[in-house]
Each structure stands twice: as structure tokens, then as C-alpha cells.
PDB file of all heavy atoms in Angstrom:
ATOM      1  N   VAL A   1      28.742   3.178 -43.674  1.00  0.00           N
ATOM      2  CA  VAL A   1      28.716   2.406 -44.855  1.00  0.00           C
ATOM      3  C   VAL A   1      29.504   0.969 -44.469  1.00  0.00           C
ATOM      4  O   VAL A   1      30.440   1.016 -43.901  1.00  0.00           O
ATOM      5  CB  VAL A   1      29.495   2.998 -46.009  1.00  0.00           C
ATOM      6  CG1 VAL A   1      29.400   2.170 -47.273  1.00  0.00           C
ATOM      7  CG2 VAL A   1      28.877   4.453 -46.274  1.00  0.00           C
ATOM      8  N   VAL A   2      28.814  -0.009 -44.983  1.00  0.00           N
ATOM      9  CA  VAL A   2      29.422  -1.423 -44.944  1.00  0.00           C
ATOM     10  C   VAL A   2      29.504  -1.924 -46.287  1.00  0.00           C
ATOM     11  O   VAL A   2      28.466  -1.963 -47.027  1.00  0.00           O
ATOM     12  CB  VAL A   2      28.681  -2.290 -44.083  1.00  0.00           C
ATOM     13  CG1 VAL A   2      29.399  -3.714 -43.968  1.00  0.00           C
ATOM     14  CG2 VAL A   2      28.405  -1.873 -42.647  1.00  0.00           C
ATOM     15  N   VAL A   3      30.671  -2.295 -46.766  1.00  0.00           N
ATOM     16  CA  VAL A   3      30.980  -2.539 -48.171  1.00  0.00           C
ATOM     17  C   VAL A   3      31.694  -3.843 -48.248  1.00  0.00           C
ATOM     18  O   VAL A   3      32.696  -4.032 -47.514  1.00  0.00           O
ATOM     19  CB  VAL A   3      31.498  -1.398 -49.017  1.00  0.00           C
ATOM     20  CG1 VAL A   3      32.872  -1.033 -48.442  1.00  0.00           C
ATOM     21  CG2 VAL A   3      31.755  -1.821 -50.419  1.00  0.00           C
ATOM     22  N   THR A   4      31.358  -4.789 -49.173  1.00  0.00           N
ATOM     23  CA  THR A   4      32.184  -5.979 -49.467  1.00  0.00           C
ATOM     24  C   THR A   4      32.827  -5.707 -50.858  1.00  0.00           C
ATOM     25  O   THR A   4      32.234  -5.013 -51.800  1.00  0.00           O
ATOM     26  CB  THR A   4      31.255  -7.198 -49.557  1.00  0.00           C
ATOM     27  OG1 THR A   4      30.431  -7.117 -50.722  1.00  0.00           O
ATOM     28  CG2 THR A   4      30.467  -7.377 -48.346  1.00  0.00           C
ATOM     29  N   THR A   5      34.032  -6.257 -50.960  1.00  0.00           N
ATOM     30  CA  THR A   5      34.814  -5.919 -52.218  1.00  0.00           C
ATOM     31  C   THR A   5      35.942  -6.983 -52.480  1.00  0.00           C
ATOM     32  O   THR A   5      36.322  -7.635 -51.489  1.00  0.00           O
ATOM     33  CB  THR A   5      35.441  -4.606 -52.212  1.00  0.00           C
ATOM     34  OG1 THR A   5      35.847  -4.268 -53.538  1.00  0.00           O
ATOM     35  CG2 THR A   5      36.464  -4.408 -51.219  1.00  0.00           C
ATOM     36  N   HIS A   6      36.286  -7.087 -53.653  1.00  0.00           N
ATOM     37  CA  HIS A   6      37.535  -7.910 -54.096  1.00  0.00           C
ATOM     38  C   HIS A   6      38.660  -6.997 -54.533  1.00  0.00           C
ATOM     39  O   HIS A   6      39.612  -7.244 -54.826  1.00  0.00           O
ATOM     40  CB  HIS A   6      37.196  -8.820 -55.221  1.00  0.00           C
ATOM     41  CG  HIS A   6      36.473 -10.119 -54.667  1.00  0.00           C
ATOM     42  ND1 HIS A   6      37.008 -10.941 -53.742  1.00  0.00           N
ATOM     43  CD2 HIS A   6      35.304 -10.565 -54.933  1.00  0.00           C
ATOM     44  CE1 HIS A   6      36.161 -12.020 -53.657  1.00  0.00           C
ATOM     45  NE2 HIS A   6      35.118 -11.637 -54.276  1.00  0.00           N
ATOM     46  N   TYR A   7      38.244  -5.595 -54.718  1.00  0.00           N
ATOM     47  CA  TYR A   7      39.097  -4.580 -55.218  1.00  0.00           C
ATOM     48  C   TYR A   7      40.282  -4.242 -54.265  1.00  0.00           C
ATOM     49  O   TYR A   7      40.022  -3.866 -53.150  1.00  0.00           O
ATOM     50  CB  TYR A   7      38.419  -3.171 -55.548  1.00  0.00           C
ATOM     51  CG  TYR A   7      37.488  -3.403 -56.819  1.00  0.00           C
ATOM     52  CD1 TYR A   7      36.282  -2.642 -56.803  1.00  0.00           C
ATOM     53  CD2 TYR A   7      37.813  -4.090 -57.920  1.00  0.00           C
ATOM     54  CE1 TYR A   7      35.448  -2.677 -57.958  1.00  0.00           C
ATOM     55  CE2 TYR A   7      37.012  -4.071 -58.982  1.00  0.00           C
ATOM     56  CZ  TYR A   7      35.799  -3.416 -58.997  1.00  0.00           C
ATOM     57  OH  TYR A   7      35.028  -3.440 -60.143  1.00  0.00           O
ATOM     58  N   GLY A   8      41.478  -4.534 -54.790  1.00  0.00           N
ATOM     59  CA  GLY A   8      42.682  -4.161 -53.882  1.00  0.00           C
ATOM     60  C   GLY A   8      42.733  -2.730 -53.512  1.00  0.00           C
ATOM     61  O   GLY A   8      43.026  -2.455 -52.281  1.00  0.00           O
ATOM     62  N   PRO A   9      42.471  -1.751 -54.429  1.00  0.00           N
ATOM     63  CA  PRO A   9      42.546  -0.294 -54.086  1.00  0.00           C
ATOM     64  C   PRO A   9      41.664   0.006 -52.869  1.00  0.00           C
ATOM     65  O   PRO A   9      42.027   0.934 -52.063  1.00  0.00           O
ATOM     66  CB  PRO A   9      42.217   0.387 -55.396  1.00  0.00           C
ATOM     67  CG  PRO A   9      42.655  -0.560 -56.450  1.00  0.00           C
ATOM     68  CD  PRO A   9      42.373  -1.872 -56.015  1.00  0.00           C
ATOM     69  N   LEU A  10      40.566  -0.618 -52.819  1.00  0.00           N
ATOM     70  CA  LEU A  10      39.514  -0.208 -51.782  1.00  0.00           C
ATOM     71  C   LEU A  10      40.135  -0.779 -50.372  1.00  0.00           C
ATOM     72  O   LEU A  10      39.907  -0.140 -49.386  1.00  0.00           O
ATOM     73  CB  LEU A  10      38.154  -0.860 -51.998  1.00  0.00           C
ATOM     74  CG  LEU A  10      37.343  -0.260 -53.095  1.00  0.00           C
ATOM     75  CD1 LEU A  10      36.047  -0.886 -53.157  1.00  0.00           C
ATOM     76  CD2 LEU A  10      37.359   1.168 -53.112  1.00  0.00           C
ATOM     77  N   LYS A  11      40.798  -1.871 -50.447  1.00  0.00           N
ATOM     78  CA  LYS A  11      41.426  -2.334 -49.244  1.00  0.00           C
ATOM     79  C   LYS A  11      42.536  -1.452 -48.757  1.00  0.00           C
ATOM     80  O   LYS A  11      42.728  -1.104 -47.520  1.00  0.00           O
ATOM     81  CB  LYS A  11      41.913  -3.847 -49.427  1.00  0.00           C
ATOM     82  CG  LYS A  11      40.953  -4.817 -49.891  1.00  0.00           C
ATOM     83  CD  LYS A  11      41.649  -6.205 -50.279  1.00  0.00           C
ATOM     84  CE  LYS A  11      40.837  -7.126 -51.098  1.00  0.00           C
ATOM     85  NZ  LYS A  11      41.441  -8.292 -51.469  1.00  0.00           N
ATOM     86  N   GLU A  12      43.312  -0.996 -49.677  1.00  0.00           N
ATOM     87  CA  GLU A  12      44.420  -0.147 -49.359  1.00  0.00           C
ATOM     88  C   GLU A  12      43.798   1.324 -48.944  1.00  0.00           C
ATOM     89  O   GLU A  12      44.388   1.866 -47.995  1.00  0.00           O
ATOM     90  CB  GLU A  12      45.202   0.153 -50.646  1.00  0.00           C
ATOM     91  CG  GLU A  12      45.951  -1.036 -51.205  1.00  0.00           C
ATOM     92  CD  GLU A  12      46.596  -0.831 -52.518  1.00  0.00           C
ATOM     93  OE1 GLU A  12      46.734   0.350 -52.946  1.00  0.00           O
ATOM     94  OE2 GLU A  12      47.006  -1.769 -53.065  1.00  0.00           O
ATOM     95  N   LEU A  13      42.711   1.735 -49.526  1.00  0.00           N
ATOM     96  CA  LEU A  13      42.152   2.883 -49.019  1.00  0.00           C
ATOM     97  C   LEU A  13      41.731   2.851 -47.569  1.00  0.00           C
ATOM     98  O   LEU A  13      41.832   3.756 -46.809  1.00  0.00           O
ATOM     99  CB  LEU A  13      40.865   3.249 -49.956  1.00  0.00           C
ATOM    100  CG  LEU A  13      40.002   4.440 -49.598  1.00  0.00           C
ATOM    101  CD1 LEU A  13      40.818   5.680 -49.871  1.00  0.00           C
ATOM    102  CD2 LEU A  13      38.729   4.420 -50.274  1.00  0.00           C
ATOM    103  N   ALA A  14      41.063   1.757 -47.227  1.00  0.00           N
ATOM    104  CA  ALA A  14      40.610   1.460 -45.842  1.00  0.00           C
ATOM    105  C   ALA A  14      41.759   1.461 -44.952  1.00  0.00           C
ATOM    106  O   ALA A  14      41.594   1.783 -43.666  1.00  0.00           O
ATOM    107  CB  ALA A  14      39.928   0.115 -45.847  1.00  0.00           C
ATOM    108  N   GLN A  15      42.993   1.151 -45.363  1.00  0.00           N
ATOM    109  CA  GLN A  15      44.163   1.178 -44.458  1.00  0.00           C
ATOM    110  C   GLN A  15      44.640   2.604 -44.264  1.00  0.00           C
ATOM    111  O   GLN A  15      45.327   2.781 -43.157  1.00  0.00           O
ATOM    112  CB  GLN A  15      45.292   0.233 -44.973  1.00  0.00           C
ATOM    113  CG  GLN A  15      44.948  -1.184 -45.029  1.00  0.00           C
ATOM    114  CD  GLN A  15      45.000  -1.677 -43.486  1.00  0.00           C
ATOM    115  OE1 GLN A  15      43.875  -1.905 -42.982  1.00  0.00           O
ATOM    116  NE2 GLN A  15      46.109  -1.810 -42.865  1.00  0.00           N
ATOM    117  N   THR A  16      44.503   3.442 -45.158  1.00  0.00           N
ATOM    118  CA  THR A  16      45.077   4.868 -45.089  1.00  0.00           C
ATOM    119  C   THR A  16      44.177   5.944 -44.834  1.00  0.00           C
ATOM    120  O   THR A  16      44.505   6.948 -44.217  1.00  0.00           O
ATOM    121  CB  THR A  16      45.750   5.070 -46.388  1.00  0.00           C
ATOM    122  OG1 THR A  16      44.836   5.005 -47.473  1.00  0.00           O
ATOM    123  CG2 THR A  16      46.927   4.048 -46.578  1.00  0.00           C
ATOM    124  N   MET A  17      42.815   5.758 -45.291  1.00  0.00           N
ATOM    125  CA  MET A  17      41.808   6.895 -45.141  1.00  0.00           C
ATOM    126  C   MET A  17      41.280   6.977 -43.657  1.00  0.00           C
ATOM    127  O   MET A  17      40.775   5.924 -43.261  1.00  0.00           O
ATOM    128  CB  MET A  17      40.835   6.668 -46.174  1.00  0.00           C
ATOM    129  CG  MET A  17      39.722   7.719 -46.145  1.00  0.00           C
ATOM    130  SD  MET A  17      40.275   9.422 -46.694  1.00  0.00           S
ATOM    131  CE  MET A  17      40.394   9.170 -48.445  1.00  0.00           C
ATOM    132  N   PRO A  18      41.327   8.110 -42.994  1.00  0.00           N
ATOM    133  CA  PRO A  18      40.753   8.219 -41.750  1.00  0.00           C
ATOM    134  C   PRO A  18      39.170   7.992 -41.912  1.00  0.00           C
ATOM    135  O   PRO A  18      38.561   8.353 -42.800  1.00  0.00           O
ATOM    136  CB  PRO A  18      40.952   9.659 -41.307  1.00  0.00           C
ATOM    137  CG  PRO A  18      42.176  10.126 -42.182  1.00  0.00           C
ATOM    138  CD  PRO A  18      42.062   9.255 -43.525  1.00  0.00           C
ATOM    139  N   GLY A  19      38.633   7.209 -40.862  1.00  0.00           N
ATOM    140  CA  GLY A  19      37.204   6.897 -40.894  1.00  0.00           C
ATOM    141  C   GLY A  19      36.891   5.633 -41.619  1.00  0.00           C
ATOM    142  O   GLY A  19      35.726   5.209 -41.567  1.00  0.00           O
ATOM    143  N   PHE A  20      37.889   5.061 -42.326  1.00  0.00           N
ATOM    144  CA  PHE A  20      37.772   3.775 -43.056  1.00  0.00           C
ATOM    145  C   PHE A  20      38.423   2.659 -42.182  1.00  0.00           C
ATOM    146  O   PHE A  20      39.387   2.931 -41.522  1.00  0.00           O
ATOM    147  CB  PHE A  20      38.354   3.750 -44.401  1.00  0.00           C
ATOM    148  CG  PHE A  20      37.576   4.504 -45.418  1.00  0.00           C
ATOM    149  CD1 PHE A  20      37.245   5.920 -45.286  1.00  0.00           C
ATOM    150  CD2 PHE A  20      37.110   3.950 -46.557  1.00  0.00           C
ATOM    151  CE1 PHE A  20      36.548   6.653 -46.251  1.00  0.00           C
ATOM    152  CE2 PHE A  20      36.329   4.650 -47.446  1.00  0.00           C
ATOM    153  CZ  PHE A  20      36.104   5.869 -47.348  1.00  0.00           C
ATOM    154  N   ALA A  21      37.899   1.399 -42.237  1.00  0.00           N
ATOM    155  CA  ALA A  21      38.481   0.339 -41.564  1.00  0.00           C
ATOM    156  C   ALA A  21      38.285  -0.944 -42.368  1.00  0.00           C
ATOM    157  O   ALA A  21      37.363  -1.123 -43.111  1.00  0.00           O
ATOM    158  CB  ALA A  21      37.896   0.137 -40.288  1.00  0.00           C
ATOM    159  N   ASN A  22      39.326  -1.853 -42.357  1.00  0.00           N
ATOM    160  CA  ASN A  22      39.252  -3.107 -43.062  1.00  0.00           C
ATOM    161  C   ASN A  22      38.770  -4.287 -42.140  1.00  0.00           C
ATOM    162  O   ASN A  22      38.944  -4.235 -40.968  1.00  0.00           O
ATOM    163  CB  ASN A  22      40.672  -3.553 -43.433  1.00  0.00           C
ATOM    164  CG  ASN A  22      40.891  -3.124 -44.903  1.00  0.00           C
ATOM    165  OD1 ASN A  22      40.049  -3.285 -45.816  1.00  0.00           O
ATOM    166  ND2 ASN A  22      42.140  -2.577 -45.191  1.00  0.00           N
ATOM    167  N   ALA A  23      38.235  -5.289 -42.834  1.00  0.00           N
ATOM    168  CA  ALA A  23      37.784  -6.467 -42.114  1.00  0.00           C
ATOM    169  C   ALA A  23      37.873  -7.512 -43.230  1.00  0.00           C
ATOM    170  O   ALA A  23      37.684  -7.287 -44.390  1.00  0.00           O
ATOM    171  CB  ALA A  23      36.428  -6.417 -41.499  1.00  0.00           C
ATOM    172  N   SER A  24      38.113  -8.895 -42.759  1.00  0.00           N
ATOM    173  CA  SER A  24      38.108  -9.867 -43.742  1.00  0.00           C
ATOM    174  C   SER A  24      37.522 -11.168 -43.141  1.00  0.00           C
ATOM    175  O   SER A  24      37.613 -11.381 -41.965  1.00  0.00           O
ATOM    176  CB  SER A  24      39.638 -10.135 -44.257  1.00  0.00           C
ATOM    177  OG  SER A  24      40.422 -10.637 -43.133  1.00  0.00           O
ATOM    178  N   VAL A  25      37.086 -11.953 -44.137  1.00  0.00           N
ATOM    179  CA  VAL A  25      36.601 -13.370 -43.670  1.00  0.00           C
ATOM    180  C   VAL A  25      37.710 -14.279 -43.980  1.00  0.00           C
ATOM    181  O   VAL A  25      38.404 -14.246 -45.086  1.00  0.00           O
ATOM    182  CB  VAL A  25      35.244 -13.677 -44.421  1.00  0.00           C
ATOM    183  CG1 VAL A  25      34.183 -12.861 -43.936  1.00  0.00           C
ATOM    184  CG2 VAL A  25      35.459 -13.506 -45.965  1.00  0.00           C
ATOM    185  N   GLU A  26      37.872 -15.254 -43.051  1.00  0.00           N
ATOM    186  CA  GLU A  26      38.999 -16.197 -43.124  1.00  0.00           C
ATOM    187  C   GLU A  26      38.757 -17.368 -44.096  1.00  0.00           C
ATOM    188  O   GLU A  26      37.655 -17.785 -44.340  1.00  0.00           O
ATOM    189  CB  GLU A  26      39.146 -16.805 -41.750  1.00  0.00           C
ATOM    190  CG  GLU A  26      40.390 -17.686 -41.520  1.00  0.00           C
ATOM    191  CD  GLU A  26      40.466 -18.242 -40.187  1.00  0.00           C
ATOM    192  OE1 GLU A  26      39.477 -18.806 -39.689  1.00  0.00           O
ATOM    193  OE2 GLU A  26      41.605 -18.355 -39.540  1.00  0.00           O
ATOM    194  N   PHE A  27      39.826 -17.756 -44.621  1.00  0.00           N
ATOM    195  CA  PHE A  27      39.902 -18.929 -45.590  1.00  0.00           C
ATOM    196  C   PHE A  27      40.934 -19.918 -45.001  1.00  0.00           C
ATOM    197  O   PHE A  27      42.095 -19.525 -44.870  1.00  0.00           O
ATOM    198  CB  PHE A  27      40.286 -18.492 -46.972  1.00  0.00           C
ATOM    199  CG  PHE A  27      40.171 -19.466 -48.008  1.00  0.00           C
ATOM    200  CD1 PHE A  27      38.857 -19.853 -48.498  1.00  0.00           C
ATOM    201  CD2 PHE A  27      41.275 -20.237 -48.506  1.00  0.00           C
ATOM    202  CE1 PHE A  27      38.665 -20.860 -49.439  1.00  0.00           C
ATOM    203  CE2 PHE A  27      41.078 -21.200 -49.560  1.00  0.00           C
ATOM    204  CZ  PHE A  27      39.793 -21.607 -49.911  1.00  0.00           C
ATOM    205  N   ASP A  28      40.506 -21.153 -44.867  1.00  0.00           N
ATOM    206  CA  ASP A  28      41.389 -22.130 -44.381  1.00  0.00           C
ATOM    207  C   ASP A  28      42.190 -22.785 -45.540  1.00  0.00           C
ATOM    208  O   ASP A  28      41.616 -23.536 -46.460  1.00  0.00           O
ATOM    209  CB  ASP A  28      40.634 -23.361 -43.710  1.00  0.00           C
ATOM    210  CG  ASP A  28      41.514 -24.252 -42.937  1.00  0.00           C
ATOM    211  OD1 ASP A  28      42.710 -24.446 -43.439  1.00  0.00           O
ATOM    212  OD2 ASP A  28      40.979 -25.024 -41.970  1.00  0.00           O
ATOM    213  N   VAL A  29      43.505 -22.448 -45.637  1.00  0.00           N
ATOM    214  CA  VAL A  29      44.254 -22.854 -46.805  1.00  0.00           C
ATOM    215  C   VAL A  29      44.586 -24.392 -46.799  1.00  0.00           C
ATOM    216  O   VAL A  29      44.817 -24.978 -47.918  1.00  0.00           O
ATOM    217  CB  VAL A  29      45.631 -22.128 -46.892  1.00  0.00           C
ATOM    218  CG1 VAL A  29      45.299 -20.607 -47.218  1.00  0.00           C
ATOM    219  CG2 VAL A  29      46.455 -22.206 -45.618  1.00  0.00           C
ATOM    220  N   THR A  30      44.526 -25.105 -45.622  1.00  0.00           N
ATOM    221  CA  THR A  30      44.759 -26.380 -45.554  1.00  0.00           C
ATOM    222  C   THR A  30      43.516 -27.194 -46.130  1.00  0.00           C
ATOM    223  O   THR A  30      43.648 -28.245 -46.786  1.00  0.00           O
ATOM    224  CB  THR A  30      45.060 -26.950 -44.175  1.00  0.00           C
ATOM    225  OG1 THR A  30      43.950 -26.494 -43.323  1.00  0.00           O
ATOM    226  CG2 THR A  30      46.326 -26.270 -43.632  1.00  0.00           C
ATOM    227  N   ARG A  31      42.341 -26.725 -45.726  1.00  0.00           N
ATOM    228  CA  ARG A  31      41.125 -27.430 -46.159  1.00  0.00           C
ATOM    229  C   ARG A  31      40.609 -26.786 -47.629  1.00  0.00           C
ATOM    230  O   ARG A  31      39.660 -27.348 -48.135  1.00  0.00           O
ATOM    231  CB  ARG A  31      39.989 -27.234 -45.097  1.00  0.00           C
ATOM    232  CG  ARG A  31      40.276 -28.004 -43.835  1.00  0.00           C
ATOM    233  CD  ARG A  31      39.031 -28.036 -42.879  1.00  0.00           C
ATOM    234  NE  ARG A  31      38.541 -26.712 -42.577  1.00  0.00           N
ATOM    235  CZ  ARG A  31      37.387 -26.260 -42.954  1.00  0.00           C
ATOM    236  NH1 ARG A  31      36.588 -26.909 -43.729  1.00  0.00           N
ATOM    237  NH2 ARG A  31      37.147 -24.944 -42.627  1.00  0.00           N
ATOM    238  N   LEU A  32      41.123 -25.689 -47.936  1.00  0.00           N
ATOM    239  CA  LEU A  32      40.785 -24.923 -49.031  1.00  0.00           C
ATOM    240  C   LEU A  32      39.190 -24.653 -48.939  1.00  0.00           C
ATOM    241  O   LEU A  32      38.428 -24.842 -49.858  1.00  0.00           O
ATOM    242  CB  LEU A  32      41.020 -25.620 -50.342  1.00  0.00           C
ATOM    243  CG  LEU A  32      42.483 -25.894 -50.571  1.00  0.00           C
ATOM    244  CD1 LEU A  32      42.604 -26.781 -51.932  1.00  0.00           C
ATOM    245  CD2 LEU A  32      43.242 -24.590 -50.765  1.00  0.00           C
ATOM    246  N   ALA A  33      38.780 -24.215 -47.713  1.00  0.00           N
ATOM    247  CA  ALA A  33      37.393 -23.826 -47.608  1.00  0.00           C
ATOM    248  C   ALA A  33      37.299 -22.697 -46.557  1.00  0.00           C
ATOM    249  O   ALA A  33      38.238 -22.380 -45.602  1.00  0.00           O
ATOM    250  CB  ALA A  33      36.721 -25.015 -46.916  1.00  0.00           C
ATOM    251  N   PRO A  34      36.187 -21.881 -46.717  1.00  0.00           N
ATOM    252  CA  PRO A  34      36.100 -20.802 -45.733  1.00  0.00           C
ATOM    253  C   PRO A  34      35.645 -21.242 -44.343  1.00  0.00           C
ATOM    254  O   PRO A  34      35.037 -22.229 -44.309  1.00  0.00           O
ATOM    255  CB  PRO A  34      34.952 -19.923 -46.433  1.00  0.00           C
ATOM    256  CG  PRO A  34      34.142 -20.908 -47.201  1.00  0.00           C
ATOM    257  CD  PRO A  34      35.171 -21.930 -47.694  1.00  0.00           C
ATOM    258  N   THR A  35      36.062 -20.382 -43.341  1.00  0.00           N
ATOM    259  CA  THR A  35      35.640 -20.685 -42.015  1.00  0.00           C
ATOM    260  C   THR A  35      34.404 -19.816 -41.575  1.00  0.00           C
ATOM    261  O   THR A  35      33.869 -20.117 -40.587  1.00  0.00           O
ATOM    262  CB  THR A  35      36.865 -20.520 -41.077  1.00  0.00           C
ATOM    263  OG1 THR A  35      37.118 -19.059 -41.048  1.00  0.00           O
ATOM    264  CG2 THR A  35      38.112 -21.231 -41.393  1.00  0.00           C
ATOM    265  N   TYR A  36      34.102 -18.861 -42.332  1.00  0.00           N
ATOM    266  CA  TYR A  36      32.992 -17.770 -42.088  1.00  0.00           C
ATOM    267  C   TYR A  36      33.382 -16.974 -40.817  1.00  0.00           C
ATOM    268  O   TYR A  36      32.463 -16.312 -40.314  1.00  0.00           O
ATOM    269  CB  TYR A  36      31.700 -18.549 -41.915  1.00  0.00           C
ATOM    270  CG  TYR A  36      31.385 -19.464 -43.024  1.00  0.00           C
ATOM    271  CD1 TYR A  36      31.372 -20.869 -42.881  1.00  0.00           C
ATOM    272  CD2 TYR A  36      30.998 -18.872 -44.203  1.00  0.00           C
ATOM    273  CE1 TYR A  36      31.108 -21.734 -43.942  1.00  0.00           C
ATOM    274  CE2 TYR A  36      30.731 -19.685 -45.316  1.00  0.00           C
ATOM    275  CZ  TYR A  36      30.788 -21.066 -45.243  1.00  0.00           C
ATOM    276  OH  TYR A  36      30.526 -21.942 -46.259  1.00  0.00           O
ATOM    277  N   ARG A  37      34.574 -16.980 -40.368  1.00  0.00           N
ATOM    278  CA  ARG A  37      34.948 -16.118 -39.210  1.00  0.00           C
ATOM    279  C   ARG A  37      35.478 -14.753 -39.730  1.00  0.00           C
ATOM    280  O   ARG A  37      36.257 -14.715 -40.819  1.00  0.00           O
ATOM    281  CB  ARG A  37      36.131 -16.740 -38.418  1.00  0.00           C
ATOM    282  CG  ARG A  37      35.622 -17.941 -37.591  1.00  0.00           C
ATOM    283  CD  ARG A  37      36.763 -18.936 -37.071  1.00  0.00           C
ATOM    284  NE  ARG A  37      37.710 -18.122 -36.312  1.00  0.00           N
ATOM    285  CZ  ARG A  37      38.950 -18.608 -35.982  1.00  0.00           C
ATOM    286  NH1 ARG A  37      39.305 -19.781 -36.426  1.00  0.00           N
ATOM    287  NH2 ARG A  37      39.675 -17.796 -35.371  1.00  0.00           N
ATOM    288  N   LEU A  38      35.013 -13.707 -39.078  1.00  0.00           N
ATOM    289  CA  LEU A  38      35.371 -12.400 -39.496  1.00  0.00           C
ATOM    290  C   LEU A  38      36.481 -11.808 -38.610  1.00  0.00           C
ATOM    291  O   LEU A  38      36.412 -11.940 -37.366  1.00  0.00           O
ATOM    292  CB  LEU A  38      34.151 -11.397 -39.345  1.00  0.00           C
ATOM    293  CG  LEU A  38      34.267 -10.012 -39.771  1.00  0.00           C
ATOM    294  CD1 LEU A  38      34.381  -9.890 -41.380  1.00  0.00           C
ATOM    295  CD2 LEU A  38      33.084  -9.146 -39.372  1.00  0.00           C
TER     296      LEU A  38
END
């Protein structure tokens, strides 16, 4: 399963549940724009 989300509990689940993993796309806070890097 590959899932995108804004839900905080799902991110926490991915940190603690075996078989789950987190990933995030970067946001440049200086430019206030996404970099599209994973």
C-alpha cells in the first residue's frame, strides 16, 4: 500500500507500526514553495 495523507495519526502509526514507513515531500520555508523532493 502507498498512501498520501495529511492526518497526523497516520503519520504516527507509520512510525510505530511494524511494516509501516513514513515518507514526506519537502517544502522550502524560505521560498514558501515545494521542492518536489521525497
